[in-house]
Protein backbone atom coordinates (compact mmCIF):
# COMPACT_ATOMS: atom_id res chain seq x y z
CA SER A 1 -58.94 177.46 -32.57
CA SER A 2 -60.05 174.57 -30.39
CA PRO A 3 -62.06 175.14 -27.21
CA ASP A 4 -60.40 174.58 -23.84
CA GLU A 5 -63.40 172.50 -22.75
CA LEU A 6 -66.31 170.89 -24.57
CA ARG A 7 -69.64 169.72 -23.14
CA ALA A 8 -72.27 167.98 -25.25
CA PRO A 9 -75.51 167.03 -23.48
CA GLU A 10 -78.41 166.04 -25.74
CA LYS A 11 -78.89 168.50 -28.66
CA THR A 12 -76.36 170.86 -27.01
CA THR A 13 -72.76 171.86 -27.67
CA MET A 14 -70.97 174.07 -25.14
CA GLU A 15 -67.52 175.23 -26.26
CA ILE A 16 -65.62 177.00 -23.47
CA VAL A 17 -62.56 179.18 -24.05
CA ASN A 18 -60.38 180.54 -21.26
CA VAL A 19 -59.46 184.19 -21.82
CA GLY A 20 -57.05 184.89 -18.98
CA SER A 21 -59.09 184.36 -15.82
CA VAL A 22 -62.40 184.71 -17.71
CA LYS A 23 -64.37 181.88 -19.34
CA VAL A 24 -66.44 182.58 -22.46
CA ALA A 25 -68.72 179.96 -23.98
CA ARG A 26 -70.29 179.35 -27.35
CA LEU A 27 -73.56 177.51 -26.76
CA THR A 28 -75.27 175.81 -29.70
CA ALA A 29 -78.75 174.39 -29.12
CA GLN A 30 -80.13 172.26 -31.96
CA PRO A 31 -83.71 172.38 -33.29
CA GLY A 32 -85.96 170.53 -30.86
CA TRP A 33 -83.78 171.55 -27.89
CA VAL A 34 -85.87 172.05 -24.76
CA TRP A 35 -84.14 172.85 -21.46
CA SER A 36 -86.34 170.47 -19.42
CA GLU A 37 -85.49 167.55 -21.74
CA CYS A 38 -81.85 168.23 -22.61
CA ILE A 39 -80.29 169.97 -19.59
CA ALA A 40 -82.53 169.24 -16.57
CA PRO A 41 -81.54 165.54 -16.54
CA VAL A 42 -77.86 166.61 -16.35
CA VAL A 43 -78.19 169.25 -13.62
CA GLY A 44 -81.12 167.78 -11.66
CA THR A 45 -83.19 170.95 -11.18
CA SER A 46 -86.72 171.79 -12.34
CA SER A 47 -85.67 175.12 -13.88
CA CYS A 48 -82.37 176.62 -14.99
CA GLN A 49 -80.58 178.08 -11.98
CA ALA A 50 -77.78 179.68 -14.01
CA HIS A 51 -77.39 183.40 -14.67
CA HIS A 52 -76.94 184.07 -18.37
CA LEU A 53 -75.40 187.11 -20.04
CA GLY A 54 -74.78 186.91 -23.75
CA VAL A 55 -75.66 187.63 -27.34
CA VAL A 56 -77.51 185.52 -29.92
CA GLN A 57 -75.52 184.89 -33.11
CA SER A 58 -78.13 182.88 -35.01
CA GLY A 59 -81.44 181.12 -34.54
CA GLN A 60 -84.11 181.89 -31.95
CA LEU A 61 -84.64 180.91 -28.33
CA ARG A 62 -87.81 181.33 -26.29
CA VAL A 63 -87.19 181.93 -22.59
CA ASP A 64 -90.00 181.45 -20.06
CA HIS A 65 -89.35 183.05 -16.66
CA GLU A 66 -90.76 181.87 -13.33
CA ASP A 67 -92.64 185.19 -12.98
CA GLY A 68 -94.77 184.20 -15.99
CA SER A 69 -93.10 186.49 -18.52
CA SER A 70 -91.49 185.18 -21.68
CA GLU A 71 -89.33 186.51 -24.47
CA THR A 72 -88.03 185.27 -27.80
CA LEU A 73 -84.36 186.00 -28.43
CA SER A 74 -83.22 186.53 -32.04
CA PRO A 75 -79.89 187.17 -33.80
CA GLY A 76 -78.19 190.29 -32.45
CA ASP A 77 -80.17 190.32 -29.20
CA VAL A 78 -78.15 190.85 -26.04
CA TYR A 79 -79.74 189.03 -23.11
CA GLN A 80 -79.56 188.68 -19.36
CA CYS A 81 -81.54 185.88 -17.72
CA SER A 82 -81.74 185.44 -13.97
CA PRO A 83 -81.92 181.99 -12.37
CA GLY A 84 -85.37 180.38 -12.54
CA HIS A 85 -86.25 179.99 -16.21
CA GLN A 86 -86.93 177.41 -18.93
CA ALA A 87 -86.02 177.75 -22.60
CA GLN A 88 -86.50 176.10 -25.97
CA VAL A 89 -85.26 176.58 -29.52
CA VAL A 90 -87.83 178.12 -31.86
CA GLY A 91 -87.93 176.90 -35.45
CA ASP A 92 -85.70 174.57 -37.43
CA GLU A 93 -82.39 176.46 -37.15
CA PRO A 94 -79.85 175.90 -34.36
CA CYS A 95 -79.63 178.73 -31.85
CA VAL A 96 -76.03 179.87 -31.34
CA MET A 97 -75.26 182.12 -28.37
CA ILE A 98 -72.09 183.56 -26.88
CA GLU A 99 -72.16 183.52 -23.06
CA PHE A 100 -70.03 186.02 -21.15
CA ASP A 101 -70.81 185.02 -17.55
CA SER A 102 -67.68 183.13 -16.37
CA GLN A 103 -69.60 181.22 -13.67
CA THR A 104 -72.19 180.02 -16.18
CA ALA A 105 -69.49 179.07 -18.69
CA ALA A 106 -67.74 177.11 -15.94
CA THR A 107 -70.81 175.21 -14.73
CA PHE A 108 -73.71 175.17 -17.25
CA ALA A 109 -74.71 171.66 -18.36
CA LYS A 110 -71.86 170.17 -16.36
CA ASP A 111 -72.60 166.96 -14.50
């Protein structure tokens, strides 16, 4: 089925589906995707201020948190990221994630 909304900043596809009053998003970040290069110019902040809750379907994503910690998310990983992070795709495969936070689905990468 077709998404209810589509956003496509550089190297990014965000497909949003409305499920009743809840928004769910499929986020695809292409190889070479770096938050500071692809999303920061759209949202105008120095780090991602969105809360993320989701699961990785394919590919890998490295997340660097403001507290200095980092993690690499892989297929099957369930994640929760608080505001104040950077991220980038690892390797040459797109990273596909399903986001369950309605607020993030409604606002992420939206100008």
